Amino acid sequence: MDIEHLDSGAACDRLDEIERVYAEAFPDHDLSDYRARMQSLLASPGFEAVTARDDGALAGFVYGASLSARSSWWDDLEPVQPAGFTAETGRRTFAVIDLAVRPAHRGRGPGHRLLDELLAGQPEERAALATTPDEGRSRRCTSRGGGAMSAACQVTQVRPNPGSTSM
């Protein structure tokens, strides 16, 4: 697998390809607002994406951004966390927004490698990957341990908040 780090401009240039992999990886998700959400995310400070290619074809990606001091990321977090847990400074938390691997490439480690690559260079104190309660694959992926994920990432469950674009 060939790994590439993308800033917001490069990710924007590859958005059609990323969207196709997203649709394949999450066939039950509504894509009607995906472009609008991505345009907002691409404008977020600290945005970064990492892609994995196999024989030139996009096999998977992960992306995220720093949470601002005014972020709504933690709204509706369950279970409720101790005081101060959701306080943001703009440099405290890197939010992993989406991780997608094409079904043909799952189970061979590209998801872990993508996460490790994304988190390795982040200056924030911690990282967070939010999942909905029914995202069993995400839970299994992050609970196996090892690499940057086990050391740096807090896995949380939130109710879907599709209207939130405030990082």
C-alpha atoms as a PDB file:
ATOM      1  CA  MET A   1       0.000   0.000   0.000  1.00  0.00           C
ATOM      2  CA  ASP A   2       1.168   3.483  -0.857  1.00  0.00           C
ATOM      3  CA  ILE A   3       0.388   6.076   1.826  1.00  0.00           C
ATOM      4  CA  GLU A   4      -0.058   9.788   1.086  1.00  0.00           C
ATOM      5  CA  HIS A   5      -0.722  12.721   3.439  1.00  0.00           C
ATOM      6  CA  LEU A   6      -3.072  15.385   2.040  1.00  0.00           C
ATOM      7  CA  ASP A   7      -3.752  18.937   3.134  1.00  0.00           C
ATOM      8  CA  SER A   8      -7.170  20.487   2.496  1.00  0.00           C
ATOM      9  CA  GLY A   9      -6.292  21.598  -1.055  1.00  0.00           C
ATOM     10  CA  ALA A  10      -5.074  18.169  -2.139  1.00  0.00           C
ATOM     11  CA  ALA A  11      -8.049  16.467  -0.453  1.00  0.00           C
ATOM     12  CA  CYS A  12     -10.416  18.839  -2.268  1.00  0.00           C
ATOM     13  CA  ASP A  13      -8.777  17.886  -5.582  1.00  0.00           C
ATOM     14  CA  ARG A  14      -9.460  14.200  -4.810  1.00  0.00           C
ATOM     15  CA  LEU A  15     -12.930  14.647  -3.316  1.00  0.00           C
ATOM     16  CA  ASP A  16     -14.754  12.744  -6.091  1.00  0.00           C
ATOM     17  CA  GLU A  17     -12.578   9.691  -5.505  1.00  0.00           C
ATOM     18  CA  ILE A  18     -12.852   9.964  -1.703  1.00  0.00           C
ATOM     19  CA  GLU A  19     -16.635  10.255  -1.954  1.00  0.00           C
ATOM     20  CA  ARG A  20     -16.841   7.072  -4.071  1.00  0.00           C
ATOM     21  CA  VAL A  21     -14.870   5.110  -1.459  1.00  0.00           C
ATOM     22  CA  TYR A  22     -17.008   6.610   1.326  1.00  0.00           C
ATOM     23  CA  ALA A  23     -20.181   5.464  -0.472  1.00  0.00           C
ATOM     24  CA  GLU A  24     -18.762   1.968  -0.925  1.00  0.00           C
ATOM     25  CA  ALA A  25     -17.559   1.714   2.679  1.00  0.00           C
ATOM     26  CA  PHE A  26     -20.788   3.115   4.169  1.00  0.00           C
ATOM     27  CA  PRO A  27     -23.592   2.012   1.816  1.00  0.00           C
ATOM     28  CA  ASP A  28     -26.305   2.770   4.396  1.00  0.00           C
ATOM     29  CA  HIS A  29     -25.236   6.403   4.950  1.00  0.00           C
ATOM     30  CA  ASP A  30     -27.108   9.227   3.258  1.00  0.00           C
ATOM     31  CA  LEU A  31     -24.707  11.093   0.981  1.00  0.00           C
ATOM     32  CA  SER A  32     -27.047  13.973   0.155  1.00  0.00           C
ATOM     33  CA  ASP A  33     -25.131  16.415   2.363  1.00  0.00           C
ATOM     34  CA  TYR A  34     -21.655  14.852   2.117  1.00  0.00           C
ATOM     35  CA  ARG A  35     -20.247  17.566  -0.182  1.00  0.00           C
ATOM     36  CA  ALA A  36     -21.482  20.401   2.033  1.00  0.00           C
ATOM     37  CA  ARG A  37     -20.085  18.753   5.171  1.00  0.00           C
ATOM     38  CA  MET A  38     -16.752  18.137   3.440  1.00  0.00           C
ATOM     39  CA  GLN A  39     -16.470  21.721   2.179  1.00  0.00           C
ATOM     40  CA  SER A  40     -16.924  22.947   5.749  1.00  0.00           C
ATOM     41  CA  LEU A  41     -14.447  20.407   7.099  1.00  0.00           C
ATOM     42  CA  LEU A  42     -11.841  21.217   4.438  1.00  0.00           C
ATOM     43  CA  ALA A  43     -11.900  24.832   5.660  1.00  0.00           C
ATOM     44  CA  SER A  44     -11.222  23.760   9.264  1.00  0.00           C
ATOM     45  CA  PRO A  45      -7.854  24.643  10.820  1.00  0.00           C
ATOM     46  CA  GLY A  46      -5.593  21.635  11.153  1.00  0.00           C
ATOM     47  CA  PHE A  47      -7.401  19.529   8.534  1.00  0.00           C
ATOM     48  CA  GLU A  48      -5.382  16.557   7.338  1.00  0.00           C
ATOM     49  CA  ALA A  49      -6.188  13.416   5.376  1.00  0.00           C
ATOM     50  CA  VAL A  50      -4.223  10.250   4.721  1.00  0.00           C
ATOM     51  CA  THR A  51      -4.965   7.916   1.826  1.00  0.00           C
ATOM     52  CA  ALA A  52      -3.898   4.358   1.043  1.00  0.00           C
ATOM     53  CA  ARG A  53      -3.575   3.143  -2.531  1.00  0.00           C
ATOM     54  CA  ASP A  54      -3.212  -0.381  -3.824  1.00  0.00           C
ATOM     55  CA  ASP A  55      -1.935  -0.614  -7.404  1.00  0.00           C
ATOM     56  CA  GLY A  56      -2.901   3.037  -7.897  1.00  0.00           C
ATOM     57  CA  ALA A  57      -6.526   2.633  -6.782  1.00  0.00           C
ATOM     58  CA  LEU A  58      -7.764   4.304  -3.602  1.00  0.00           C
ATOM     59  CA  ALA A  59      -8.213   1.541  -1.012  1.00  0.00           C
ATOM     60  CA  GLY A  60      -9.047   3.742   1.971  1.00  0.00           C
ATOM     61  CA  PHE A  61      -8.717   7.076   3.694  1.00  0.00           C
ATOM     62  CA  VAL A  62      -8.932   8.790   7.048  1.00  0.00           C
ATOM     63  CA  TYR A  63      -9.290  12.479   7.803  1.00  0.00           C
ATOM     64  CA  GLY A  64      -9.866  14.870  10.636  1.00  0.00           C
ATOM     65  CA  ALA A  65      -9.142  18.291  12.079  1.00  0.00           C
ATOM     66  CA  SER A  66      -8.373  20.115  15.297  1.00  0.00           C
ATOM     67  CA  LEU A  67     -11.335  20.985  17.503  1.00  0.00           C
ATOM     68  CA  SER A  68     -11.764  24.717  18.077  1.00  0.00           C
ATOM     69  CA  ALA A  69     -12.482  26.246  21.468  1.00  0.00           C
ATOM     70  CA  ARG A  70     -16.113  26.724  20.300  1.00  0.00           C
ATOM     71  CA  SER A  71     -16.545  23.209  18.914  1.00  0.00           C
ATOM     72  CA  SER A  72     -19.887  21.411  19.126  1.00  0.00           C
ATOM     73  CA  TRP A  73     -18.116  18.041  18.725  1.00  0.00           C
ATOM     74  CA  TRP A  74     -18.934  16.865  22.246  1.00  0.00           C
ATOM     75  CA  ASP A  75     -22.632  17.811  22.128  1.00  0.00           C
ATOM     76  CA  ASP A  76     -24.790  14.755  22.878  1.00  0.00           C
ATOM     77  CA  LEU A  77     -21.822  12.703  24.114  1.00  0.00           C
ATOM     78  CA  GLU A  78     -22.913   9.542  25.907  1.00  0.00           C
ATOM     79  CA  PRO A  79     -22.176   8.677  28.607  1.00  0.00           C
ATOM     80  CA  VAL A  80     -21.708  12.083  30.230  1.00  0.00           C
ATOM     81  CA  GLN A  81     -18.028  12.678  31.021  1.00  0.00           C
ATOM     82  CA  PRO A  82     -16.378  14.290  34.063  1.00  0.00           C
ATOM     83  CA  ALA A  83     -16.105  18.077  34.270  1.00  0.00           C
ATOM     84  CA  GLY A  84     -13.428  19.434  31.961  1.00  0.00           C
ATOM     85  CA  PHE A  85     -13.387  16.456  29.613  1.00  0.00           C
ATOM     86  CA  THR A  86     -15.165  18.354  26.837  1.00  0.00           C
ATOM     87  CA  ALA A  87     -13.264  21.636  27.304  1.00  0.00           C
ATOM     88  CA  GLU A  88     -11.417  22.583  24.123  1.00  0.00           C
ATOM     89  CA  THR A  89      -8.635  25.083  23.501  1.00  0.00           C
ATOM     90  CA  GLY A  90      -8.080  24.726  19.765  1.00  0.00           C
ATOM     91  CA  ARG A  91      -4.975  22.637  20.455  1.00  0.00           C
ATOM     92  CA  ARG A  92      -6.317  19.970  22.803  1.00  0.00           C
ATOM     93  CA  THR A  93      -8.110  17.444  20.564  1.00  0.00           C
ATOM     94  CA  PHE A  94      -7.672  16.167  17.031  1.00  0.00           C
ATOM     95  CA  ALA A  95     -11.015  14.770  15.823  1.00  0.00           C
ATOM     96  CA  VAL A  96     -10.880  11.782  13.494  1.00  0.00           C
ATOM     97  CA  ILE A  97     -13.974  12.382  11.372  1.00  0.00           C
ATOM     98  CA  ASP A  98     -14.076   9.484   8.928  1.00  0.00           C
ATOM     99  CA  LEU A  99     -12.086   6.320   8.362  1.00  0.00           C
ATOM    100  CA  ALA A 100     -13.119   4.233   5.370  1.00  0.00           C
ATOM    101  CA  VAL A 101     -11.563   1.139   3.814  1.00  0.00           C
ATOM    102  CA  ARG A 102     -13.012  -0.582   0.770  1.00  0.00           C
ATOM    103  CA  PRO A 103     -14.465  -3.987   1.698  1.00  0.00           C
ATOM    104  CA  ALA A 104     -11.921  -5.857  -0.454  1.00  0.00           C
ATOM    105  CA  HIS A 105      -9.068  -4.415   1.635  1.00  0.00           C
ATOM    106  CA  ARG A 106     -10.506  -4.889   5.123  1.00  0.00           C
ATOM    107  CA  GLY A 107      -8.936  -7.242   7.612  1.00  0.00           C
ATOM    108  CA  ARG A 108      -5.402  -6.736   6.298  1.00  0.00           C
ATOM    109  CA  GLY A 109      -4.404  -3.727   8.383  1.00  0.00           C
ATOM    110  CA  PRO A 110      -4.931  -0.658   6.185  1.00  0.00           C
ATOM    111  CA  GLY A 111      -7.303   0.941   8.708  1.00  0.00           C
ATOM    112  CA  HIS A 112      -4.731   0.704  11.490  1.00  0.00           C
ATOM    113  CA  ARG A 113      -1.973   1.970   9.227  1.00  0.00           C
ATOM    114  CA  LEU A 114      -4.082   4.929   8.098  1.00  0.00           C
ATOM    115  CA  LEU A 115      -4.880   5.881  11.710  1.00  0.00           C
ATOM    116  CA  ASP A 116      -1.272   5.498  12.800  1.00  0.00           C
ATOM    117  CA  GLU A 117      -0.108   7.717   9.921  1.00  0.00           C
ATOM    118  CA  LEU A 118      -2.719  10.390  10.626  1.00  0.00           C
ATOM    119  CA  LEU A 119      -2.160  10.537  14.380  1.00  0.00           C
ATOM    120  CA  ALA A 120       1.639  10.246  14.377  1.00  0.00           C
ATOM    121  CA  GLY A 121       2.237  13.861  13.390  1.00  0.00           C
ATOM    122  CA  GLN A 122      -0.569  15.578  15.278  1.00  0.00           C
ATOM    123  CA  PRO A 123       0.500  18.133  17.912  1.00  0.00           C
ATOM    124  CA  GLU A 124      -2.733  17.920  19.936  1.00  0.00           C
ATOM    125  CA  GLU A 125      -2.793  16.378  23.426  1.00  0.00           C
ATOM    126  CA  ARG A 126      -5.322  13.735  22.411  1.00  0.00           C
ATOM    127  CA  ALA A 127      -7.362  12.408  19.535  1.00  0.00           C
ATOM    128  CA  ALA A 128     -11.012  11.388  19.436  1.00  0.00           C
ATOM    129  CA  LEU A 129     -12.838   9.047  17.101  1.00  0.00           C
ATOM    130  CA  ALA A 130     -16.594   9.267  17.461  1.00  0.00           C
ATOM    131  CA  THR A 131     -18.812   6.396  16.472  1.00  0.00           C
ATOM    132  CA  THR A 132     -22.503   5.753  16.646  1.00  0.00           C
ATOM    133  CA  PRO A 133     -23.472   2.860  18.926  1.00  0.00           C
ATOM    134  CA  ASP A 134     -24.084   0.595  15.910  1.00  0.00           C
ATOM    135  CA  GLU A 135     -20.590   1.052  14.428  1.00  0.00           C
ATOM    136  CA  GLY A 136     -19.213  -2.283  15.616  1.00  0.00           C
ATOM    137  CA  ARG A 137     -16.402  -2.296  13.047  1.00  0.00           C
ATOM    138  CA  SER A 138     -14.980   0.944  14.467  1.00  0.00           C
ATOM    139  CA  ARG A 139     -15.099  -0.420  17.989  1.00  0.00           C
ATOM    140  CA  ARG A 140     -13.321  -3.627  16.967  1.00  0.00           C
ATOM    141  CA  CYS A 141     -10.717  -1.715  14.975  1.00  0.00           C
ATOM    142  CA  THR A 142      -9.819   0.604  17.819  1.00  0.00           C
ATOM    143  CA  SER A 143     -10.075  -1.902  20.648  1.00  0.00           C
ATOM    144  CA  ARG A 144      -7.415  -4.259  19.267  1.00  0.00           C
ATOM    145  CA  GLY A 145      -4.707  -1.944  20.564  1.00  0.00           C
ATOM    146  CA  GLY A 146      -1.256  -1.179  19.282  1.00  0.00           C
ATOM    147  CA  GLY A 147       0.197   1.821  17.525  1.00  0.00           C
ATOM    148  CA  ALA A 148      -0.727   5.445  17.984  1.00  0.00           C
ATOM    149  CA  MET A 149      -4.416   4.634  18.297  1.00  0.00           C
ATOM    150  CA  SER A 150      -4.234   2.871  21.633  1.00  0.00           C
ATOM    151  CA  ALA A 151      -1.970   5.519  23.111  1.00  0.00           C
ATOM    152  CA  ALA A 152      -3.597   8.668  21.791  1.00  0.00           C
ATOM    153  CA  CYS A 153      -7.195   8.119  20.804  1.00  0.00           C
ATOM    154  CA  GLN A 154     -10.291   8.239  22.961  1.00  0.00           C
ATOM    155  CA  VAL A 155     -13.160   6.338  21.357  1.00  0.00           C
ATOM    156  CA  THR A 156     -16.495   7.885  22.187  1.00  0.00           C
ATOM    157  CA  GLN A 157     -20.060   7.273  21.161  1.00  0.00           C
ATOM    158  CA  VAL A 158     -22.223  10.169  20.077  1.00  0.00           C
ATOM    159  CA  ARG A 159     -25.642  10.412  18.573  1.00  0.00           C
ATOM    160  CA  PRO A 160     -25.386  11.360  14.912  1.00  0.00           C
ATOM    161  CA  ASN A 161     -25.340  15.144  14.601  1.00  0.00           C
ATOM    162  CA  PRO A 162     -25.391  15.627  10.812  1.00  0.00           C
ATOM    163  CA  GLY A 163     -26.166  19.323  11.075  1.00  0.00           C
ATOM    164  CA  SER A 164     -23.068  20.083  13.103  1.00  0.00           C
ATOM    165  CA  THR A 165     -20.225  21.526  11.100  1.00  0.00           C
ATOM    166  CA  SER A 166     -18.557  23.299  13.997  1.00  0.00           C
ATOM    167  CA  MET A 167     -15.165  21.784  14.558  1.00  0.00           C
END
